[in-house]
């Protein structure tokens, strides 16, 4: 039997999701700036990193809502 304390509270997951959203926004703002100025890294890489943060935020919110992937069951 699992203890409820073994999983993070929904508030913790939501806070982390907001942090990932903020990171994605900051990265996209930087990408917009680099459209007009010389970029030290390929724009595709920057957009990939932003996409990663968006996906992480989505996954964290899904976990907080109780929607989980159908992985191996723990007994």
PDB file of N, CA and C in Angstrom:
ATOM      1  N   UNK A   1       0.848  -1.192   0.000  1.00  0.00           N
ATOM      2  CA  UNK A   1       0.000   0.000   0.000  1.00  0.00           C
ATOM      3  C   UNK A   1       0.885   1.244   0.000  1.00  0.00           C
ATOM      4  N   UNK A   2       0.563   2.157  -0.904  1.00  0.00           N
ATOM      5  CA  UNK A   2       1.387   3.355  -1.015  1.00  0.00           C
ATOM      6  C   UNK A   2       0.897   4.446  -0.085  1.00  0.00           C
ATOM      7  N   UNK A   3       1.841   5.221   0.371  1.00  0.00           N
ATOM      8  CA  UNK A   3       1.523   6.350   1.236  1.00  0.00           C
ATOM      9  C   UNK A   3       1.326   7.582   0.354  1.00  0.00           C
ATOM     10  N   UNK A   4       0.346   8.428   0.650  1.00  0.00           N
ATOM     11  CA  UNK A   4       0.097   9.632  -0.150  1.00  0.00           C
ATOM     12  C   UNK A   4       1.268  10.597  -0.130  1.00  0.00           C
ATOM     13  N   UNK A   5       2.097  10.513   0.894  1.00  0.00           N
ATOM     14  CA  UNK A   5       3.235  11.436   0.984  1.00  0.00           C
ATOM     15  C   UNK A   5       4.347  11.089   0.008  1.00  0.00           C
ATOM     16  N   UNK A   6       4.270   9.909  -0.613  1.00  0.00           N
ATOM     17  CA  UNK A   6       5.333   9.503  -1.527  1.00  0.00           C
ATOM     18  C   UNK A   6       5.240  10.225  -2.874  1.00  0.00           C
ATOM     19  N   UNK A   7       4.078  10.830  -3.155  1.00  0.00           N
ATOM     20  CA  UNK A   7       3.963  11.587  -4.404  1.00  0.00           C
ATOM     21  C   UNK A   7       3.833  13.079  -4.086  1.00  0.00           C
ATOM     22  N   UNK A   8       4.323  13.944  -4.983  1.00  0.00           N
ATOM     23  CA  UNK A   8       4.268  15.390  -4.695  1.00  0.00           C
ATOM     24  C   UNK A   8       2.828  15.911  -4.691  1.00  0.00           C
ATOM     25  N   UNK A   9       2.599  16.912  -3.880  1.00  0.00           N
ATOM     26  CA  UNK A   9       1.276  17.532  -3.811  1.00  0.00           C
ATOM     27  C   UNK A   9       0.981  18.245  -5.126  1.00  0.00           C
ATOM     28  N   UNK A  10      -0.311  18.398  -5.448  1.00  0.00           N
ATOM     29  CA  UNK A  10      -0.711  19.049  -6.700  1.00  0.00           C
ATOM     30  C   UNK A  10      -0.152  20.469  -6.779  1.00  0.00           C
ATOM     31  N   UNK A  11      -0.067  21.156  -5.635  1.00  0.00           N
ATOM     32  CA  UNK A  11       0.467  22.525  -5.633  1.00  0.00           C
ATOM     33  C   UNK A  11       1.922  22.582  -6.044  1.00  0.00           C
ATOM     34  N   UNK A  12       2.690  21.573  -5.643  1.00  0.00           N
ATOM     35  CA  UNK A  12       4.105  21.513  -6.019  1.00  0.00           C
ATOM     36  C   UNK A  12       4.221  21.302  -7.522  1.00  0.00           C
ATOM     37  N   UNK A  13       3.409  20.397  -8.063  1.00  0.00           N
ATOM     38  CA  UNK A  13       3.442  20.127  -9.506  1.00  0.00           C
ATOM     39  C   UNK A  13       3.035  21.374 -10.296  1.00  0.00           C
ATOM     40  N   UNK A  14       2.017  22.079  -9.827  1.00  0.00           N
ATOM     41  CA  UNK A  14       1.571  23.287 -10.523  1.00  0.00           C
ATOM     42  C   UNK A  14       2.651  24.369 -10.480  1.00  0.00           C
ATOM     43  N   UNK A  15       3.318  24.510  -9.336  1.00  0.00           N
ATOM     44  CA  UNK A  15       4.396  25.501  -9.227  1.00  0.00           C
ATOM     45  C   UNK A  15       5.515  25.179 -10.210  1.00  0.00           C
ATOM     46  N   UNK A  16       5.886  23.898 -10.287  1.00  0.00           N
ATOM     47  CA  UNK A  16       6.934  23.500 -11.220  1.00  0.00           C
ATOM     48  C   UNK A  16       6.491  23.716 -12.668  1.00  0.00           C
ATOM     49  N   UNK A  17       5.212  23.464 -12.943  1.00  0.00           N
ATOM     50  CA  UNK A  17       4.680  23.689 -14.296  1.00  0.00           C
ATOM     51  C   UNK A  17       4.773  25.168 -14.661  1.00  0.00           C
ATOM     52  N   UNK A  18       4.447  26.048 -13.689  1.00  0.00           N
ATOM     53  CA  UNK A  18       4.551  27.490 -13.949  1.00  0.00           C
ATOM     54  C   UNK A  18       5.999  27.896 -14.229  1.00  0.00           C
ATOM     55  N   UNK A  19       6.937  27.258 -13.530  1.00  0.00           N
ATOM     56  CA  UNK A  19       8.351  27.558 -13.768  1.00  0.00           C
ATOM     57  C   UNK A  19       8.767  27.149 -15.175  1.00  0.00           C
ATOM     58  N   UNK A  20       8.288  25.989 -15.634  1.00  0.00           N
ATOM     59  CA  UNK A  20       8.602  25.550 -16.996  1.00  0.00           C
ATOM     60  C   UNK A  20       7.973  26.495 -18.018  1.00  0.00           C
ATOM     61  N   UNK A  21       6.739  26.947 -17.755  1.00  0.00           N
ATOM     62  CA  UNK A  21       6.093  27.917 -18.647  1.00  0.00           C
ATOM     63  C   UNK A  21       6.898  29.204 -18.726  1.00  0.00           C
ATOM     64  N   UNK A  22       7.366  29.681 -17.565  1.00  0.00           N
ATOM     65  CA  UNK A  22       8.162  30.918 -17.529  1.00  0.00           C
ATOM     66  C   UNK A  22       9.468  30.735 -18.290  1.00  0.00           C
ATOM     67  N   UNK A  23      10.090  29.574 -18.135  1.00  0.00           N
ATOM     68  CA  UNK A  23      11.345  29.298 -18.857  1.00  0.00           C
ATOM     69  C   UNK A  23      11.098  29.303 -20.357  1.00  0.00           C
ATOM     70  N   UNK A  24      10.007  28.672 -20.795  1.00  0.00           N
ATOM     71  CA  UNK A  24       9.679  28.629 -22.221  1.00  0.00           C
ATOM     72  C   UNK A  24       9.449  30.048 -22.752  1.00  0.00           C
ATOM     73  N   UNK A  25       8.723  30.863 -21.990  1.00  0.00           N
ATOM     74  CA  UNK A  25       8.459  32.248 -22.411  1.00  0.00           C
ATOM     75  C   UNK A  25       9.765  33.025 -22.558  1.00  0.00           C
ATOM     76  N   UNK A  26      10.650  32.883 -21.577  1.00  0.00           N
ATOM     77  CA  UNK A  26      11.932  33.600 -21.615  1.00  0.00           C
ATOM     78  C   UNK A  26      12.751  33.164 -22.833  1.00  0.00           C
ATOM     79  N   UNK A  27      12.773  31.866 -23.104  1.00  0.00           N
ATOM     80  CA  UNK A  27      13.542  31.347 -24.237  1.00  0.00           C
ATOM     81  C   UNK A  27      12.948  31.850 -25.553  1.00  0.00           C
ATOM     82  N   UNK A  28      11.612  31.866 -25.661  1.00  0.00           N
ATOM     83  CA  UNK A  28      10.980  32.349 -26.897  1.00  0.00           C
ATOM     84  C   UNK A  28      11.216  33.842 -27.098  1.00  0.00           C
ATOM     85  N   UNK A  29      11.235  34.597 -26.001  1.00  0.00           N
ATOM     86  CA  UNK A  29      11.547  36.030 -26.088  1.00  0.00           C
ATOM     87  C   UNK A  29      12.958  36.221 -26.633  1.00  0.00           C
ATOM     88  N   UNK A  30      13.873  35.398 -26.131  1.00  0.00           N
ATOM     89  CA  UNK A  30      15.261  35.444 -26.602  1.00  0.00           C
ATOM     90  C   UNK A  30      15.331  35.080 -28.086  1.00  0.00           C
ATOM     91  N   UNK A  31      14.554  34.084 -28.502  1.00  0.00           N
ATOM     92  CA  UNK A  31      14.540  33.665 -29.910  1.00  0.00           C
ATOM     93  C   UNK A  31      14.036  34.804 -30.799  1.00  0.00           C
ATOM     94  N   UNK A  32      13.026  35.544 -30.321  1.00  0.00           N
ATOM     95  CA  UNK A  32      12.517  36.681 -31.103  1.00  0.00           C
ATOM     96  C   UNK A  32      13.593  37.759 -31.252  1.00  0.00           C
ATOM     97  N   UNK A  33      14.346  37.983 -30.184  1.00  0.00           N
ATOM     98  CA  UNK A  33      15.431  38.965 -30.230  1.00  0.00           C
ATOM     99  C   UNK A  33      16.488  38.523 -31.245  1.00  0.00           C
ATOM    100  N   UNK A  34      16.789  37.227 -31.237  1.00  0.00           N
ATOM    101  CA  UNK A  34      17.829  36.704 -32.122  1.00  0.00           C
ATOM    102  C   UNK A  34      17.416  36.689 -33.582  1.00  0.00           C
ATOM    103  N   UNK A  35      16.129  36.857 -33.864  1.00  0.00           N
ATOM    104  CA  UNK A  35      15.696  36.935 -35.266  1.00  0.00           C
ATOM    105  C   UNK A  35      16.277  38.182 -35.932  1.00  0.00           C
ATOM    106  N   UNK A  36      16.485  39.230 -35.151  1.00  0.00           N
ATOM    107  CA  UNK A  36      16.975  40.493 -35.705  1.00  0.00           C
ATOM    108  C   UNK A  36      18.438  40.757 -35.399  1.00  0.00           C
ATOM    109  N   UNK A  37      19.048  39.961 -34.532  1.00  0.00           N
ATOM    110  CA  UNK A  37      20.439  40.137 -34.141  1.00  0.00           C
ATOM    111  C   UNK A  37      21.190  38.835 -34.346  1.00  0.00           C
ATOM    112  N   UNK A  38      22.513  38.890 -34.450  1.00  0.00           N
ATOM    113  CA  UNK A  38      23.271  37.645 -34.630  1.00  0.00           C
ATOM    114  C   UNK A  38      23.039  36.674 -33.459  1.00  0.00           C
ATOM    115  N   UNK A  39      22.737  35.427 -33.802  1.00  0.00           N
ATOM    116  CA  UNK A  39      22.435  34.428 -32.785  1.00  0.00           C
ATOM    117  C   UNK A  39      23.649  33.550 -32.503  1.00  0.00           C
ATOM    118  N   UNK A  40      24.001  33.347 -31.229  1.00  0.00           N
ATOM    119  CA  UNK A  40      25.138  32.487 -30.900  1.00  0.00           C
ATOM    120  C   UNK A  40      24.814  30.991 -31.038  1.00  0.00           C
ATOM    121  N   UNK A  41      23.529  30.656 -31.211  1.00  0.00           N
ATOM    122  CA  UNK A  41      23.179  29.232 -31.368  1.00  0.00           C
ATOM    123  C   UNK A  41      22.042  29.105 -32.379  1.00  0.00           C
ATOM    124  N   UNK A  42      21.943  27.953 -33.046  1.00  0.00           N
ATOM    125  CA  UNK A  42      20.894  27.793 -34.066  1.00  0.00           C
ATOM    126  C   UNK A  42      19.491  27.997 -33.475  1.00  0.00           C
ATOM    127  N   UNK A  43      18.652  28.696 -34.224  1.00  0.00           N
ATOM    128  CA  UNK A  43      17.303  29.001 -33.736  1.00  0.00           C
ATOM    129  C   UNK A  43      16.509  27.713 -33.507  1.00  0.00           C
ATOM    130  N   UNK A  44      16.741  26.693 -34.350  1.00  0.00           N
ATOM    131  CA  UNK A  44      16.045  25.416 -34.174  1.00  0.00           C
ATOM    132  C   UNK A  44      16.332  24.800 -32.822  1.00  0.00           C
ATOM    133  N   UNK A  45      17.562  24.916 -32.353  1.00  0.00           N
ATOM    134  CA  UNK A  45      17.940  24.386 -31.035  1.00  0.00           C
ATOM    135  C   UNK A  45      17.178  25.138 -29.940  1.00  0.00           C
ATOM    136  N   UNK A  46      17.123  26.454 -30.082  1.00  0.00           N
ATOM    137  CA  UNK A  46      16.433  27.289 -29.089  1.00  0.00           C
ATOM    138  C   UNK A  46      14.954  26.921 -29.025  1.00  0.00           C
ATOM    139  N   UNK A  47      14.329  26.736 -30.189  1.00  0.00           N
ATOM    140  CA  UNK A  47      12.912  26.381 -30.222  1.00  0.00           C
ATOM    141  C   UNK A  47      12.687  24.983 -29.652  1.00  0.00           C
ATOM    142  N   UNK A  48      13.629  24.091 -29.855  1.00  0.00           N
ATOM    143  CA  UNK A  48      13.539  22.743 -29.284  1.00  0.00           C
ATOM    144  C   UNK A  48      13.577  22.774 -27.767  1.00  0.00           C
ATOM    145  N   UNK A  49      14.420  23.629 -27.222  1.00  0.00           N
ATOM    146  CA  UNK A  49      14.511  23.761 -25.759  1.00  0.00           C
ATOM    147  C   UNK A  49      13.205  24.337 -25.214  1.00  0.00           C
ATOM    148  N   UNK A  50      12.652  25.339 -25.900  1.00  0.00           N
ATOM    149  CA  UNK A  50      11.385  25.936 -25.468  1.00  0.00           C
ATOM    150  C   UNK A  50      10.272  24.889 -25.513  1.00  0.00           C
ATOM    151  N   UNK A  51      10.274  24.076 -26.573  1.00  0.00           N
ATOM    152  CA  UNK A  51       9.255  23.022 -26.697  1.00  0.00           C
ATOM    153  C   UNK A  51       9.369  22.018 -25.541  1.00  0.00           C
ATOM    154  N   UNK A  52      10.593  21.692 -25.172  1.00  0.00           N
ATOM    155  CA  UNK A  52      10.809  20.783 -24.032  1.00  0.00           C
ATOM    156  C   UNK A  52      10.133  21.331 -22.771  1.00  0.00           C
ATOM    157  N   UNK A  53      10.312  22.624 -22.507  1.00  0.00           N
ATOM    158  CA  UNK A  53       9.731  23.216 -21.296  1.00  0.00           C
ATOM    159  C   UNK A  53       8.204  23.217 -21.363  1.00  0.00           C
ATOM    160  N   UNK A  54       7.647  23.480 -22.547  1.00  0.00           N
ATOM    161  CA  UNK A  54       6.187  23.439 -22.710  1.00  0.00           C
ATOM    162  C   UNK A  54       5.647  22.030 -22.435  1.00  0.00           C
ATOM    163  N   UNK A  55       6.331  21.026 -22.974  1.00  0.00           N
ATOM    164  CA  UNK A  55       5.897  19.633 -22.777  1.00  0.00           C
ATOM    165  C   UNK A  55       5.995  19.247 -21.302  1.00  0.00           C
ATOM    166  N   UNK A  56       7.082  19.659 -20.637  1.00  0.00           N
ATOM    167  CA  UNK A  56       7.239  19.349 -19.212  1.00  0.00           C
ATOM    168  C   UNK A  56       6.099  19.961 -18.398  1.00  0.00           C
ATOM    169  N   UNK A  57       5.746  21.209 -18.715  1.00  0.00           N
ATOM    170  CA  UNK A  57       4.649  21.871 -17.999  1.00  0.00           C
ATOM    171  C   UNK A  57       3.348  21.094 -18.203  1.00  0.00           C
ATOM    172  N   UNK A  58       3.107  20.657 -19.433  1.00  0.00           N
ATOM    173  CA  UNK A  58       1.906  19.892 -19.754  1.00  0.00           C
ATOM    174  C   UNK A  58       1.875  18.572 -18.985  1.00  0.00           C
ATOM    175  N   UNK A  59       3.012  17.872 -18.938  1.00  0.00           N
ATOM    176  CA  UNK A  59       3.093  16.597 -18.237  1.00  0.00           C
ATOM    177  C   UNK A  59       2.868  16.776 -16.731  1.00  0.00           C
ATOM    178  N   UNK A  60       3.455  17.829 -16.160  1.00  0.00           N
ATOM    179  CA  UNK A  60       3.289  18.076 -14.726  1.00  0.00           C
ATOM    180  C   UNK A  60       1.831  18.367 -14.386  1.00  0.00           C
ATOM    181  N   UNK A  61       1.170  19.153 -15.241  1.00  0.00           N
ATOM    182  CA  UNK A  61      -0.241  19.469 -14.983  1.00  0.00           C
ATOM    183  C   UNK A  61      -1.104  18.216 -15.135  1.00  0.00           C
ATOM    184  N   UNK A  62      -0.759  17.355 -16.075  1.00  0.00           N
ATOM    185  CA  UNK A  62      -1.505  16.100 -16.247  1.00  0.00           C
ATOM    186  C   UNK A  62      -1.337  15.221 -15.012  1.00  0.00           C
ATOM    187  N   UNK A  63      -0.111  15.157 -14.490  1.00  0.00           N
ATOM    188  CA  UNK A  63       0.126  14.368 -13.273  1.00  0.00           C
ATOM    189  C   UNK A  63      -0.658  14.925 -12.096  1.00  0.00           C
ATOM    190  N   UNK A  64      -0.700  16.251 -11.994  1.00  0.00           N
ATOM    191  CA  UNK A  64      -1.426  16.894 -10.894  1.00  0.00           C
ATOM    192  C   UNK A  64      -2.919  16.578 -10.989  1.00  0.00           C
ATOM    193  N   UNK A  65      -3.424  16.436 -12.212  1.00  0.00           N
ATOM    194  CA  UNK A  65      -4.853  16.153 -12.415  1.00  0.00           C
ATOM    195  C   UNK A  65      -5.166  14.667 -12.291  1.00  0.00           C
ATOM    196  N   UNK A  66      -4.125  13.861 -12.092  1.00  0.00           N
ATOM    197  CA  UNK A  66      -4.349  12.428 -11.930  1.00  0.00           C
ATOM    198  C   UNK A  66      -4.291  11.635 -13.216  1.00  0.00           C
ATOM    199  N   UNK A  67      -4.036  12.305 -14.349  1.00  0.00           N
ATOM    200  CA  UNK A  67      -3.912  11.599 -15.622  1.00  0.00           C
ATOM    201  C   UNK A  67      -2.459  11.168 -15.778  1.00  0.00           C
ATOM    202  N   UNK A  68      -2.218   9.865 -15.789  1.00  0.00           N
ATOM    203  CA  UNK A  68      -0.850   9.364 -15.905  1.00  0.00           C
ATOM    204  C   UNK A  68      -0.744   8.451 -17.101  1.00  0.00           C
ATOM    205  N   UNK A  69       0.466   8.262 -17.584  1.00  0.00           N
ATOM    206  CA  UNK A  69       0.667   7.339 -18.704  1.00  0.00           C
ATOM    207  C   UNK A  69       0.455   5.908 -18.201  1.00  0.00           C
ATOM    208  N   UNK A  70       0.148   5.037 -19.110  1.00  0.00           N
ATOM    209  CA  UNK A  70      -0.145   3.645 -18.742  1.00  0.00           C
ATOM    210  C   UNK A  70       1.149   2.830 -18.741  1.00  0.00           C
ATOM    211  N   UNK A  71       1.979   3.073 -17.779  1.00  0.00           N
ATOM    212  CA  UNK A  71       3.251   2.362 -17.671  1.00  0.00           C
ATOM    213  C   UNK A  71       3.094   1.084 -16.863  1.00  0.00           C
ATOM    214  N   UNK A  72       4.207   0.449 -16.517  1.00  0.00           N
ATOM    215  CA  UNK A  72       4.135  -0.783 -15.717  1.00  0.00           C
ATOM    216  C   UNK A  72       3.455  -0.520 -14.371  1.00  0.00           C
ATOM    217  N   UNK A  73       2.566  -1.394 -14.001  1.00  0.00           N
ATOM    218  CA  UNK A  73       1.832  -1.223 -12.731  1.00  0.00           C
ATOM    219  C   UNK A  73       2.725  -1.593 -11.548  1.00  0.00           C
ATOM    220  N   UNK A  74       2.661  -0.818 -10.516  1.00  0.00           N
ATOM    221  CA  UNK A  74       3.381  -1.151  -9.282  1.00  0.00           C
ATOM    222  C   UNK A  74       2.418  -1.873  -8.362  1.00  0.00           C
ATOM    223  N   UNK A  75       2.812  -3.005  -7.864  1.00  0.00           N
ATOM    224  CA  UNK A  75       1.913  -3.794  -7.001  1.00  0.00           C
ATOM    225  C   UNK A  75       2.360  -3.730  -5.563  1.00  0.00           C
TER     226      UNK A  75
END
